[in-house]
Amino acid sequence: MHIPDHYLSPSTCAVLGVAMMPVWIKSVNKVKQEIPKEKLPLLGVGTAFSFLIMMFNVPLPGGTTGHGVGAVLLAIILGPYSACACVSAALLIQALLFGDGGILAFGANCFNMAFIMPFSGYYIYNFINNRWKNKKAQYAGIALGSYIGLNLAALCAAVQFGIQPSLFTNMANQPLYCPYPLSVSIPAMMMPHLAVAGLLEAVITMATISFAKKVSPDLFCSSRKIKLNPAYKLIACLICLSPVGLLAPGTAWGEWGLDEIKNVVSNGHILGYIPEGMQQGFIFETMIPDYSVNGFPDAAAYIFSAAIGTLIAIAFFKIIEAIAKNYYATKVGEW
């Protein structure tokens, strides 16, 4: 679901980036209002969790791969605005450091995974949980919210891919960017997500919330003293297990490199060319492209990448916490 650069036109990326601006601003303001400075490290943990979950690729029908996001999980625990901030931060780390998702397409990826997914999933969960107040209904809401949230995000990505051939073509009427229309992109994205990826997201969300309630129930109450050790242990386990994501063969639909897309077969037909806009598009060289490190075995490079991304996520919100504490102390001193 990570849209690379070149697949969407610059104008499409710009529109979606602008659409995300008020969402990001509102999310930052909500985090300031709703998350005490003592709980800011929890946002780092949430960002790291989302980052790691997205590294666990699973095979999907049709020979492609997919992954969970954890956006609805974070929305249920922290609220949808905090989830938006966490997933956006995770996507930014992936794009800047690992080339997973494009720089120009960052707004589009955030629109799908950090906005559509957490907000839709959270409100579905809330709707069910508020009307049938029992444990079964709660977990039904968690499962349904996660499943629908992920699939709505996938649908948005499919539409963004599918409108490109209708809007942007060259003089020969060949698509400049994603070459597959809605009649191809929607079935190709939705069938595997409806069949497998959505169910995976629901299972991950239910299992993690059940685990959190047992080992750190203070996450779900107003207490300011939160035990993060269980969360750090879970993250450490996910880092060690991250090479499991390498076992899934193939490439996620719509995430082919320029060296692959020419040979992609869809509906029994090979594409046979590289769209002009893709060849001439913006290229950003990342430090650790595709989670690979020269001289490292694939599994070791994946673990290294997982550890680096996690440390950046946690350190960022630790710095924000320190700034908030210093600001608060200064204000108290002035008073």
C-alpha atoms as a PDB file:
ATOM      1  CA  MET A   1       0.000   0.000   0.000  1.00  0.00           C
ATOM      2  CA  HIS A   2       3.079   2.244   0.037  1.00  0.00           C
ATOM      3  CA  ILE A   3       2.778   4.253  -3.164  1.00  0.00           C
ATOM      4  CA  PRO A   4       6.246   4.931  -4.609  1.00  0.00           C
ATOM      5  CA  ASP A   5       7.203   8.098  -6.417  1.00  0.00           C
ATOM      6  CA  HIS A   6       6.408   8.173 -10.160  1.00  0.00           C
ATOM      7  CA  TYR A   7       3.124   6.240  -9.852  1.00  0.00           C
ATOM      8  CA  LEU A   8       1.035   9.344  -9.164  1.00  0.00           C
ATOM      9  CA  SER A   9       1.333  12.627 -11.031  1.00  0.00           C
ATOM     10  CA  PRO A  10       2.943  15.553  -9.184  1.00  0.00           C
ATOM     11  CA  SER A  11      -0.435  17.326  -9.175  1.00  0.00           C
ATOM     12  CA  THR A  12      -2.147  14.301  -7.580  1.00  0.00           C
ATOM     13  CA  CYS A  13       0.579  14.181  -4.923  1.00  0.00           C
ATOM     14  CA  ALA A  14       0.221  17.925  -4.322  1.00  0.00           C
ATOM     15  CA  VAL A  15      -3.562  17.741  -3.902  1.00  0.00           C
ATOM     16  CA  LEU A  16      -3.325  14.888  -1.390  1.00  0.00           C
ATOM     17  CA  GLY A  17      -0.461  16.597   0.445  1.00  0.00           C
ATOM     18  CA  VAL A  18      -2.502  19.787   0.783  1.00  0.00           C
ATOM     19  CA  ALA A  19      -5.510  17.733   1.921  1.00  0.00           C
ATOM     20  CA  MET A  20      -3.385  16.283   4.721  1.00  0.00           C
ATOM     21  CA  MET A  21      -2.149  19.649   6.020  1.00  0.00           C
ATOM     22  CA  PRO A  22      -5.242  20.494   8.124  1.00  0.00           C
ATOM     23  CA  VAL A  23      -5.337  16.896   9.372  1.00  0.00           C
ATOM     24  CA  TRP A  24      -1.730  17.094  10.559  1.00  0.00           C
ATOM     25  CA  ILE A  25      -2.284  20.504  12.169  1.00  0.00           C
ATOM     26  CA  LYS A  26      -5.424  19.280  13.949  1.00  0.00           C
ATOM     27  CA  SER A  27      -3.623  16.102  15.046  1.00  0.00           C
ATOM     28  CA  VAL A  28      -0.692  18.042  16.543  1.00  0.00           C
ATOM     29  CA  ASN A  29      -3.083  20.330  18.410  1.00  0.00           C
ATOM     30  CA  LYS A  30      -5.100  17.360  19.696  1.00  0.00           C
ATOM     31  CA  VAL A  31      -1.935  15.596  20.871  1.00  0.00           C
ATOM     32  CA  LYS A  32      -0.959  18.745  22.798  1.00  0.00           C
ATOM     33  CA  GLN A  33      -4.408  18.883  24.405  1.00  0.00           C
ATOM     34  CA  GLU A  34      -5.047  15.198  25.075  1.00  0.00           C
ATOM     35  CA  ILE A  35      -1.655  13.590  25.703  1.00  0.00           C
ATOM     36  CA  PRO A  36       0.113  14.632  28.932  1.00  0.00           C
ATOM     37  CA  LYS A  37       3.861  15.140  28.572  1.00  0.00           C
ATOM     38  CA  GLU A  38       4.399  12.020  30.693  1.00  0.00           C
ATOM     39  CA  LYS A  39       2.668   9.950  28.001  1.00  0.00           C
ATOM     40  CA  LEU A  40       4.539  11.363  24.994  1.00  0.00           C
ATOM     41  CA  PRO A  41       6.979   8.387  24.939  1.00  0.00           C
ATOM     42  CA  LEU A  42       3.913   6.232  24.288  1.00  0.00           C
ATOM     43  CA  LEU A  43       3.597   7.944  20.901  1.00  0.00           C
ATOM     44  CA  GLY A  44       7.146   6.833  20.129  1.00  0.00           C
ATOM     45  CA  VAL A  45       6.209   3.282  21.037  1.00  0.00           C
ATOM     46  CA  GLY A  46       3.123   3.530  18.822  1.00  0.00           C
ATOM     47  CA  THR A  47       5.175   4.873  15.916  1.00  0.00           C
ATOM     48  CA  ALA A  48       7.732   2.091  16.337  1.00  0.00           C
ATOM     49  CA  PHE A  49       4.981  -0.542  16.483  1.00  0.00           C
ATOM     50  CA  SER A  50       3.378   0.700  13.267  1.00  0.00           C
ATOM     51  CA  PHE A  51       6.781   0.903  11.568  1.00  0.00           C
ATOM     52  CA  LEU A  52       7.600  -2.684  12.532  1.00  0.00           C
ATOM     53  CA  ILE A  53       4.196  -4.138  11.655  1.00  0.00           C
ATOM     54  CA  MET A  54       4.543  -2.708   8.153  1.00  0.00           C
ATOM     55  CA  MET A  55       7.805  -4.663   7.724  1.00  0.00           C
ATOM     56  CA  PHE A  56       6.021  -8.006   8.109  1.00  0.00           C
ATOM     57  CA  ASN A  57       5.014  -8.753   4.524  1.00  0.00           C
ATOM     58  CA  VAL A  58       2.675 -11.675   3.908  1.00  0.00           C
ATOM     59  CA  PRO A  59       1.842 -13.390   0.599  1.00  0.00           C
ATOM     60  CA  LEU A  60      -1.478 -12.388  -0.938  1.00  0.00           C
ATOM     61  CA  PRO A  61      -3.574 -14.029  -3.665  1.00  0.00           C
ATOM     62  CA  GLY A  62      -2.328 -13.142  -7.127  1.00  0.00           C
ATOM     63  CA  GLY A  63       1.369 -13.441  -6.273  1.00  0.00           C
ATOM     64  CA  THR A  64       1.663 -10.066  -4.534  1.00  0.00           C
ATOM     65  CA  THR A  65       2.395  -9.199  -0.911  1.00  0.00           C
ATOM     66  CA  GLY A  66       0.790  -7.034   1.766  1.00  0.00           C
ATOM     67  CA  HIS A  67       1.218  -6.017   5.388  1.00  0.00           C
ATOM     68  CA  GLY A  68      -0.595  -4.719   8.430  1.00  0.00           C
ATOM     69  CA  VAL A  69      -0.439  -1.079   9.529  1.00  0.00           C
ATOM     70  CA  GLY A  70      -1.606  -0.957  13.147  1.00  0.00           C
ATOM     71  CA  ALA A  71      -3.420   2.347  12.610  1.00  0.00           C
ATOM     72  CA  VAL A  72      -6.757   1.289  14.103  1.00  0.00           C
ATOM     73  CA  LEU A  73      -4.980  -0.346  17.037  1.00  0.00           C
ATOM     74  CA  LEU A  74      -3.273   2.968  17.836  1.00  0.00           C
ATOM     75  CA  ALA A  75      -6.540   4.867  17.327  1.00  0.00           C
ATOM     76  CA  ILE A  76      -8.323   2.659  19.867  1.00  0.00           C
ATOM     77  CA  ILE A  77      -5.548   3.022  22.464  1.00  0.00           C
ATOM     78  CA  LEU A  78      -4.442   6.625  21.886  1.00  0.00           C
ATOM     79  CA  GLY A  79      -7.262   8.205  19.893  1.00  0.00           C
ATOM     80  CA  PRO A  80      -7.447   8.756  16.106  1.00  0.00           C
ATOM     81  CA  TYR A  81      -5.491  12.026  16.092  1.00  0.00           C
ATOM     82  CA  SER A  82      -2.569  10.518  17.973  1.00  0.00           C
ATOM     83  CA  ALA A  83      -2.744   7.494  15.667  1.00  0.00           C
ATOM     84  CA  CYS A  84      -2.556   9.847  12.689  1.00  0.00           C
ATOM     85  CA  ALA A  85       0.585  11.446  14.138  1.00  0.00           C
ATOM     86  CA  CYS A  86       2.194   8.065  14.869  1.00  0.00           C
ATOM     87  CA  VAL A  87       1.498   6.478  11.475  1.00  0.00           C
ATOM     88  CA  SER A  88       2.567   9.673   9.655  1.00  0.00           C
ATOM     89  CA  ALA A  89       5.861   9.615  11.574  1.00  0.00           C
ATOM     90  CA  ALA A  90       6.371   5.924  10.736  1.00  0.00           C
ATOM     91  CA  LEU A  91       5.689   6.578   7.038  1.00  0.00           C
ATOM     92  CA  LEU A  92       8.115   9.518   7.067  1.00  0.00           C
ATOM     93  CA  ILE A  93      10.897   7.353   8.524  1.00  0.00           C
ATOM     94  CA  GLN A  94      10.216   4.685   5.912  1.00  0.00           C
ATOM     95  CA  ALA A  95      10.235   7.157   3.027  1.00  0.00           C
ATOM     96  CA  LEU A  96      13.304   9.177   4.055  1.00  0.00           C
ATOM     97  CA  LEU A  97      15.532   6.384   5.293  1.00  0.00           C
ATOM     98  CA  PHE A  98      14.449   3.237   3.469  1.00  0.00           C
ATOM     99  CA  GLY A  99      12.687   4.363   0.287  1.00  0.00           C
ATOM    100  CA  ASP A 100       9.535   2.504   1.325  1.00  0.00           C
ATOM    101  CA  GLY A 101       6.903   4.841  -0.112  1.00  0.00           C
ATOM    102  CA  GLY A 102       7.749   7.921  -2.135  1.00  0.00           C
ATOM    103  CA  ILE A 103       8.804  11.369  -0.946  1.00  0.00           C
ATOM    104  CA  LEU A 104       6.409  13.133  -3.322  1.00  0.00           C
ATOM    105  CA  ALA A 105       3.757  10.500  -2.551  1.00  0.00           C
ATOM    106  CA  PHE A 106       4.150  10.971   1.215  1.00  0.00           C
ATOM    107  CA  GLY A 107       0.913  12.956   1.464  1.00  0.00           C
ATOM    108  CA  ALA A 108      -0.961  10.294  -0.498  1.00  0.00           C
ATOM    109  CA  ASN A 109       0.339   7.480   1.706  1.00  0.00           C
ATOM    110  CA  CYS A 110      -0.544   9.430   4.844  1.00  0.00           C
ATOM    111  CA  PHE A 111      -4.009  10.190   3.459  1.00  0.00           C
ATOM    112  CA  ASN A 112      -4.644   6.460   3.036  1.00  0.00           C
ATOM    113  CA  MET A 113      -2.917   4.922   6.049  1.00  0.00           C
ATOM    114  CA  ALA A 114      -2.720   7.763   8.603  1.00  0.00           C
ATOM    115  CA  PHE A 115      -6.079   9.425   7.942  1.00  0.00           C
ATOM    116  CA  ILE A 116      -8.646   7.189   6.234  1.00  0.00           C
ATOM    117  CA  MET A 117      -7.633   4.036   8.075  1.00  0.00           C
ATOM    118  CA  PRO A 118      -7.406   5.146  11.747  1.00  0.00           C
ATOM    119  CA  PHE A 119     -10.392   7.501  11.657  1.00  0.00           C
ATOM    120  CA  SER A 120     -12.773   5.146   9.824  1.00  0.00           C
ATOM    121  CA  GLY A 121     -11.711   2.152  11.905  1.00  0.00           C
ATOM    122  CA  TYR A 122     -11.968   4.064  15.174  1.00  0.00           C
ATOM    123  CA  TYR A 123     -15.469   5.376  14.494  1.00  0.00           C
ATOM    124  CA  ILE A 124     -16.699   1.931  13.443  1.00  0.00           C
ATOM    125  CA  TYR A 125     -15.253   0.489  16.663  1.00  0.00           C
ATOM    126  CA  ASN A 126     -16.758   3.324  18.712  1.00  0.00           C
ATOM    127  CA  PHE A 127     -20.177   2.945  17.105  1.00  0.00           C
ATOM    128  CA  ILE A 128     -20.367  -0.762  17.975  1.00  0.00           C
ATOM    129  CA  ASN A 129     -18.776  -0.437  21.415  1.00  0.00           C
ATOM    130  CA  ASN A 130     -21.122   2.373  22.500  1.00  0.00           C
ATOM    131  CA  ARG A 131     -24.281   0.497  21.515  1.00  0.00           C
ATOM    132  CA  TRP A 132     -23.523  -2.995  22.773  1.00  0.00           C
ATOM    133  CA  LYS A 133     -21.502  -2.604  25.943  1.00  0.00           C
ATOM    134  CA  ASN A 134     -20.038  -6.052  26.456  1.00  0.00           C
ATOM    135  CA  LYS A 135     -16.724  -7.766  25.794  1.00  0.00           C
ATOM    136  CA  LYS A 136     -17.903  -9.649  22.701  1.00  0.00           C
ATOM    137  CA  ALA A 137     -19.213  -6.478  21.100  1.00  0.00           C
ATOM    138  CA  GLN A 138     -15.995  -4.664  21.960  1.00  0.00           C
ATOM    139  CA  TYR A 139     -13.862  -7.253  20.196  1.00  0.00           C
ATOM    140  CA  ALA A 140     -16.311  -7.400  17.304  1.00  0.00           C
ATOM    141  CA  GLY A 141     -15.901  -3.638  16.971  1.00  0.00           C
ATOM    142  CA  ILE A 142     -12.114  -3.968  17.111  1.00  0.00           C
ATOM    143  CA  ALA A 143     -12.122  -6.655  14.414  1.00  0.00           C
ATOM    144  CA  LEU A 144     -14.610  -4.924  12.134  1.00  0.00           C
ATOM    145  CA  GLY A 145     -13.004  -1.508  12.537  1.00  0.00           C
ATOM    146  CA  SER A 146      -9.552  -2.890  11.715  1.00  0.00           C
ATOM    147  CA  TYR A 147     -10.791  -4.926   8.760  1.00  0.00           C
ATOM    148  CA  ILE A 148     -12.835  -2.130   7.192  1.00  0.00           C
ATOM    149  CA  GLY A 149     -10.226   0.536   7.995  1.00  0.00           C
ATOM    150  CA  LEU A 150      -7.464  -1.325   6.158  1.00  0.00           C
ATOM    151  CA  ASN A 151      -9.674  -2.077   3.176  1.00  0.00           C
ATOM    152  CA  LEU A 152     -10.857   1.524   2.884  1.00  0.00           C
ATOM    153  CA  ALA A 153      -7.213   2.612   2.850  1.00  0.00           C
ATOM    154  CA  ALA A 154      -6.487   0.046   0.126  1.00  0.00           C
ATOM    155  CA  LEU A 155      -9.509   1.258  -1.857  1.00  0.00           C
ATOM    156  CA  CYS A 156      -8.262   4.855  -1.704  1.00  0.00           C
ATOM    157  CA  ALA A 157      -4.847   3.753  -2.967  1.00  0.00           C
ATOM    158  CA  ALA A 158      -6.506   1.752  -5.761  1.00  0.00           C
ATOM    159  CA  VAL A 159      -8.539   4.785  -6.851  1.00  0.00           C
ATOM    160  CA  GLN A 160      -5.450   7.010  -6.795  1.00  0.00           C
ATOM    161  CA  PHE A 161      -3.637   4.498  -9.010  1.00  0.00           C
ATOM    162  CA  GLY A 162      -6.628   3.932 -11.275  1.00  0.00           C
ATOM    163  CA  ILE A 163      -7.416   7.553 -12.160  1.00  0.00           C
ATOM    164  CA  GLN A 164      -3.913   8.233 -13.504  1.00  0.00           C
ATOM    165  CA  PRO A 165      -4.390   6.704 -17.016  1.00  0.00           C
ATOM    166  CA  SER A 166      -7.551   8.766 -17.521  1.00  0.00           C
ATOM    167  CA  LEU A 167      -5.995  12.056 -16.473  1.00  0.00           C
ATOM    168  CA  PHE A 168      -2.375  11.954 -17.600  1.00  0.00           C
ATOM    169  CA  THR A 169      -1.266  10.628 -21.003  1.00  0.00           C
ATOM    170  CA  ASN A 170       1.348  11.509 -23.625  1.00  0.00           C
ATOM    171  CA  MET A 171       0.843  12.336 -27.294  1.00  0.00           C
ATOM    172  CA  ALA A 172       0.601   8.634 -28.112  1.00  0.00           C
ATOM    173  CA  ASN A 173      -2.174   8.290 -25.516  1.00  0.00           C
ATOM    174  CA  GLN A 174       0.032   6.151 -23.280  1.00  0.00           C
ATOM    175  CA  PRO A 175      -0.287   6.698 -19.516  1.00  0.00           C
ATOM    176  CA  LEU A 176       2.441   8.872 -18.055  1.00  0.00           C
ATOM    177  CA  TYR A 177       2.227   7.389 -14.573  1.00  0.00           C
ATOM    178  CA  CYS A 178       0.422   4.318 -13.208  1.00  0.00           C
ATOM    179  CA  PRO A 179      -0.683   2.521 -16.396  1.00  0.00           C
ATOM    180  CA  TYR A 180      -3.559   0.543 -14.888  1.00  0.00           C
ATOM    181  CA  PRO A 181      -7.119   1.952 -14.951  1.00  0.00           C
ATOM    182  CA  LEU A 182      -9.729   1.591 -12.204  1.00  0.00           C
ATOM    183  CA  SER A 183     -11.037  -1.620 -13.810  1.00  0.00           C
ATOM    184  CA  VAL A 184      -7.645  -3.189 -13.056  1.00  0.00           C
ATOM    185  CA  SER A 185      -6.393  -1.354  -9.968  1.00  0.00           C
ATOM    186  CA  ILE A 186      -9.500  -1.835  -7.808  1.00  0.00           C
ATOM    187  CA  PRO A 187      -9.821  -5.636  -8.231  1.00  0.00           C
ATOM    188  CA  ALA A 188      -6.037  -6.078  -8.022  1.00  0.00           C
ATOM    189  CA  MET A 189      -5.847  -4.159  -4.737  1.00  0.00           C
ATOM    190  CA  MET A 190      -9.138  -5.102  -3.131  1.00  0.00           C
ATOM    191  CA  MET A 191      -9.419  -8.848  -3.668  1.00  0.00           C
ATOM    192  CA  PRO A 192      -6.227  -9.748  -1.752  1.00  0.00           C
ATOM    193  CA  HIS A 193      -6.882  -7.137   0.932  1.00  0.00           C
ATOM    194  CA  LEU A 194     -10.461  -8.290   1.454  1.00  0.00           C
ATOM    195  CA  ALA A 195      -9.409 -11.941   1.474  1.00  0.00           C
ATOM    196  CA  VAL A 196      -6.200 -11.861   3.541  1.00  0.00           C
ATOM    197  CA  ALA A 197      -4.678  -8.518   4.556  1.00  0.00           C
ATOM    198  CA  GLY A 198      -7.824  -7.178   6.254  1.00  0.00           C
ATOM    199  CA  LEU A 199      -8.177 -10.371   8.288  1.00  0.00           C
ATOM    200  CA  LEU A 200      -4.503 -10.160   9.250  1.00  0.00           C
ATOM    201  CA  GLU A 201      -4.991  -6.573  10.436  1.00  0.00           C
ATOM    202  CA  ALA A 202      -8.012  -7.598  12.521  1.00  0.00           C
ATOM    203  CA  VAL A 203      -6.103 -10.473  14.150  1.00  0.00           C
ATOM    204  CA  ILE A 204      -3.074  -8.276  14.919  1.00  0.00           C
ATOM    205  CA  THR A 205      -5.264  -5.565  16.441  1.00  0.00           C
ATOM    206  CA  MET A 206      -7.328  -7.928  18.602  1.00  0.00           C
ATOM    207  CA  ALA A 207      -4.276  -9.889  19.773  1.00  0.00           C
ATOM    208  CA  THR A 208      -2.273  -6.776  20.647  1.00  0.00           C
ATOM    209  CA  ILE A 209      -5.123  -5.118  22.530  1.00  0.00           C
ATOM    210  CA  SER A 210      -5.775  -8.337  24.444  1.00  0.00           C
ATOM    211  CA  PHE A 211      -2.056  -8.552  25.291  1.00  0.00           C
ATOM    212  CA  ALA A 212      -1.948  -4.878  26.344  1.00  0.00           C
ATOM    213  CA  LYS A 213      -4.961  -5.275  28.636  1.00  0.00           C
ATOM    214  CA  LYS A 214      -3.256  -8.137  30.453  1.00  0.00           C
ATOM    215  CA  VAL A 215       0.253  -6.718  30.842  1.00  0.00           C
ATOM    216  CA  SER A 216      -0.405  -2.948  30.882  1.00  0.00           C
ATOM    217  CA  PRO A 217      -4.055  -2.194  31.691  1.00  0.00           C
ATOM    218  CA  ASP A 218      -3.143   1.397  32.596  1.00  0.00           C
ATOM    219  CA  LEU A 219      -2.998   2.125  28.862  1.00  0.00           C
ATOM    220  CA  PHE A 220      -6.791   2.142  28.842  1.00  0.00           C
ATOM    221  CA  CYS A 221      -7.371   4.409  31.833  1.00  0.00           C
ATOM    222  CA  SER A 222      -6.572   7.987  32.754  1.00  0.00           C
ATOM    223  CA  SER A 223      -3.608   7.036  34.912  1.00  0.00           C
ATOM    224  CA  ARG A 224      -0.469   8.955  34.026  1.00  0.00           C
ATOM    225  CA  LYS A 225       1.845   6.188  35.211  1.00  0.00           C
ATOM    226  CA  ILE A 226       2.203   3.815  32.305  1.00  0.00           C
ATOM    227  CA  LYS A 227       4.446   0.772  32.362  1.00  0.00           C
ATOM    228  CA  LEU A 228       6.233   0.770  29.022  1.00  0.00           C
ATOM    229  CA  ASN A 229       8.516  -2.188  29.729  1.00  0.00           C
ATOM    230  CA  PRO A 230       6.045  -4.751  28.270  1.00  0.00           C
ATOM    231  CA  ALA A 231       5.735  -2.587  25.134  1.00  0.00           C
ATOM    232  CA  TYR A 232       9.524  -2.337  24.793  1.00  0.00           C
ATOM    233  CA  LYS A 233       9.822  -6.115  25.150  1.00  0.00           C
ATOM    234  CA  LEU A 234       7.191  -6.625  22.461  1.00  0.00           C
ATOM    235  CA  ILE A 235       9.028  -4.211  20.157  1.00  0.00           C
ATOM    236  CA  ALA A 236      12.324  -6.027  20.778  1.00  0.00           C
ATOM    237  CA  CYS A 237      10.655  -9.318  19.825  1.00  0.00           C
ATOM    238  CA  LEU A 238       9.233  -7.773  16.648  1.00  0.00           C
ATOM    239  CA  ILE A 239      12.692  -6.476  15.685  1.00  0.00           C
ATOM    240  CA  CYS A 240      14.190  -9.944  16.099  1.00  0.00           C
ATOM    241  CA  LEU A 241      11.336 -11.546  14.141  1.00  0.00           C
ATOM    242  CA  SER A 242      11.303  -8.919  11.376  1.00  0.00           C
ATOM    243  CA  PRO A 243      13.171 -11.136   8.844  1.00  0.00           C
ATOM    244  CA  VAL A 244       9.964 -13.188   8.649  1.00  0.00           C
ATOM    245  CA  GLY A 245       8.788 -10.374   6.357  1.00  0.00           C
ATOM    246  CA  LEU A 246      11.420 -11.465   3.826  1.00  0.00           C
ATOM    247  CA  LEU A 247       9.781 -14.852   3.352  1.00  0.00           C
ATOM    248  CA  ALA A 248       6.846 -13.468   1.352  1.00  0.00           C
ATOM    249  CA  PRO A 249       7.686 -13.797  -2.350  1.00  0.00           C
ATOM    250  CA  GLY A 250       6.901 -11.167  -4.937  1.00  0.00           C
ATOM    251  CA  THR A 251       6.249  -7.420  -4.734  1.00  0.00           C
ATOM    252  CA  ALA A 252       3.220  -5.568  -3.424  1.00  0.00           C
ATOM    253  CA  TRP A 253       0.854  -4.502  -6.204  1.00  0.00           C
ATOM    254  CA  GLY A 254       1.718  -0.989  -7.393  1.00  0.00           C
ATOM    255  CA  GLU A 255       5.136  -0.967  -5.733  1.00  0.00           C
ATOM    256  CA  TRP A 256       7.238  -2.304  -8.610  1.00  0.00           C
ATOM    257  CA  GLY A 257      10.557  -0.653  -9.353  1.00  0.00           C
ATOM    258  CA  LEU A 258      11.319   0.852 -12.758  1.00  0.00           C
ATOM    259  CA  ASP A 259      13.275  -2.295 -13.569  1.00  0.00           C
ATOM    260  CA  GLU A 260      10.180  -4.421 -12.889  1.00  0.00           C
ATOM    261  CA  ILE A 261       7.133  -2.606 -14.207  1.00  0.00           C
ATOM    262  CA  LYS A 262       7.888  -3.189 -17.895  1.00  0.00           C
ATOM    263  CA  ASN A 263       7.569  -6.933 -17.317  1.00  0.00           C
ATOM    264  CA  VAL A 264       4.487  -6.863 -15.070  1.00  0.00           C
ATOM    265  CA  VAL A 265       1.732  -9.156 -16.346  1.00  0.00           C
ATOM    266  CA  SER A 266      -1.881  -8.035 -15.785  1.00  0.00           C
ATOM    267  CA  ASN A 267      -4.918  -9.915 -17.112  1.00  0.00           C
ATOM    268  CA  GLY A 268      -2.582 -12.119 -19.102  1.00  0.00           C
ATOM    269  CA  HIS A 269      -0.854  -9.208 -20.857  1.00  0.00           C
ATOM    270  CA  ILE A 270       2.647  -7.899 -20.254  1.00  0.00           C
ATOM    271  CA  LEU A 271       2.901  -4.109 -19.984  1.00  0.00           C
ATOM    272  CA  GLY A 272       5.912  -3.946 -22.302  1.00  0.00           C
ATOM    273  CA  TYR A 273       7.013  -0.365 -21.631  1.00  0.00           C
ATOM    274  CA  ILE A 274       7.958   2.038 -18.856  1.00  0.00           C
ATOM    275  CA  PRO A 275       5.571   5.013 -18.600  1.00  0.00           C
ATOM    276  CA  GLU A 276       7.280   8.232 -19.628  1.00  0.00           C
ATOM    277  CA  GLY A 277       6.484  10.100 -16.428  1.00  0.00           C
ATOM    278  CA  MET A 278       8.062   7.333 -14.367  1.00  0.00           C
ATOM    279  CA  GLN A 279      11.320   7.469 -16.334  1.00  0.00           C
ATOM    280  CA  GLN A 280      11.633  11.223 -15.995  1.00  0.00           C
ATOM    281  CA  GLY A 281      10.356  11.548 -12.440  1.00  0.00           C
ATOM    282  CA  PHE A 282      12.006  12.694  -9.220  1.00  0.00           C
ATOM    283  CA  ILE A 283      14.511  10.245  -7.703  1.00  0.00           C
ATOM    284  CA  PHE A 284      15.470  10.354  -4.022  1.00  0.00           C
ATOM    285  CA  GLU A 285      18.440   8.258  -2.911  1.00  0.00           C
ATOM    286  CA  THR A 286      17.938   6.847   0.576  1.00  0.00           C
ATOM    287  CA  MET A 287      20.590   5.695   3.032  1.00  0.00           C
ATOM    288  CA  ILE A 288      19.249   2.152   3.431  1.00  0.00           C
ATOM    289  CA  PRO A 289      17.212   1.425   0.284  1.00  0.00           C
ATOM    290  CA  ASP A 290      14.693  -1.403   0.604  1.00  0.00           C
ATOM    291  CA  TYR A 291      16.012  -2.260   4.103  1.00  0.00           C
ATOM    292  CA  SER A 292      19.249  -3.632   2.601  1.00  0.00           C
ATOM    293  CA  VAL A 293      22.827  -2.904   3.677  1.00  0.00           C
ATOM    294  CA  ASN A 294      25.893  -3.650   1.554  1.00  0.00           C
ATOM    295  CA  GLY A 295      27.821  -6.570   2.982  1.00  0.00           C
ATOM    296  CA  PHE A 296      24.996  -7.655   5.289  1.00  0.00           C
ATOM    297  CA  PRO A 297      22.946 -10.813   4.772  1.00  0.00           C
ATOM    298  CA  ASP A 298      19.312  -9.969   4.049  1.00  0.00           C
ATOM    299  CA  ALA A 299      18.084 -11.093   7.483  1.00  0.00           C
ATOM    300  CA  ALA A 300      20.768  -9.124   9.338  1.00  0.00           C
ATOM    301  CA  ALA A 301      20.089  -6.013   7.237  1.00  0.00           C
ATOM    302  CA  TYR A 302      16.373  -6.307   7.966  1.00  0.00           C
ATOM    303  CA  ILE A 303      16.987  -6.547  11.718  1.00  0.00           C
ATOM    304  CA  PHE A 304      19.412  -3.616  11.526  1.00  0.00           C
ATOM    305  CA  SER A 305      16.844  -1.545   9.607  1.00  0.00           C
ATOM    306  CA  ALA A 306      14.100  -2.451  12.064  1.00  0.00           C
ATOM    307  CA  ALA A 307      16.289  -1.434  14.998  1.00  0.00           C
ATOM    308  CA  ILE A 308      17.329   1.877  13.382  1.00  0.00           C
ATOM    309  CA  GLY A 309      13.751   2.828  12.475  1.00  0.00           C
ATOM    310  CA  THR A 310      12.527   1.933  15.961  1.00  0.00           C
ATOM    311  CA  LEU A 311      15.259   3.933  17.710  1.00  0.00           C
ATOM    312  CA  ILE A 312      14.528   6.996  15.583  1.00  0.00           C
ATOM    313  CA  ALA A 313      10.801   6.771  16.340  1.00  0.00           C
ATOM    314  CA  ILE A 314      11.279   6.413  20.100  1.00  0.00           C
ATOM    315  CA  ALA A 315      14.083   8.996  20.284  1.00  0.00           C
ATOM    316  CA  PHE A 316      12.017  11.588  18.408  1.00  0.00           C
ATOM    317  CA  PHE A 317       9.183  11.514  20.918  1.00  0.00           C
ATOM    318  CA  LYS A 318      11.645  11.365  23.828  1.00  0.00           C
ATOM    319  CA  ILE A 319      13.092  14.635  22.536  1.00  0.00           C
ATOM    320  CA  ILE A 320       9.583  16.088  22.243  1.00  0.00           C
ATOM    321  CA  GLU A 321       8.918  15.014  25.852  1.00  0.00           C
ATOM    322  CA  ALA A 322      12.114  16.710  27.049  1.00  0.00           C
ATOM    323  CA  ILE A 323      11.200  19.918  25.189  1.00  0.00           C
ATOM    324  CA  ALA A 324       7.690  19.833  26.689  1.00  0.00           C
ATOM    325  CA  LYS A 325       9.066  19.344  30.213  1.00  0.00           C
ATOM    326  CA  ASN A 326      11.544  22.181  29.757  1.00  0.00           C
ATOM    327  CA  TYR A 327       8.811  24.462  28.413  1.00  0.00           C
ATOM    328  CA  TYR A 328       6.541  23.586  31.345  1.00  0.00           C
ATOM    329  CA  ALA A 329       9.331  24.153  33.877  1.00  0.00           C
ATOM    330  CA  THR A 330      10.142  27.546  32.298  1.00  0.00           C
ATOM    331  CA  LYS A 331       6.496  28.610  32.468  1.00  0.00           C
ATOM    332  CA  VAL A 332       6.227  27.579  36.122  1.00  0.00           C
ATOM    333  CA  GLY A 333       9.425  29.488  36.893  1.00  0.00           C
ATOM    334  CA  GLU A 334       8.105  32.612  35.187  1.00  0.00           C
ATOM    335  CA  TRP A 335       4.866  32.333  37.131  1.00  0.00           C
END
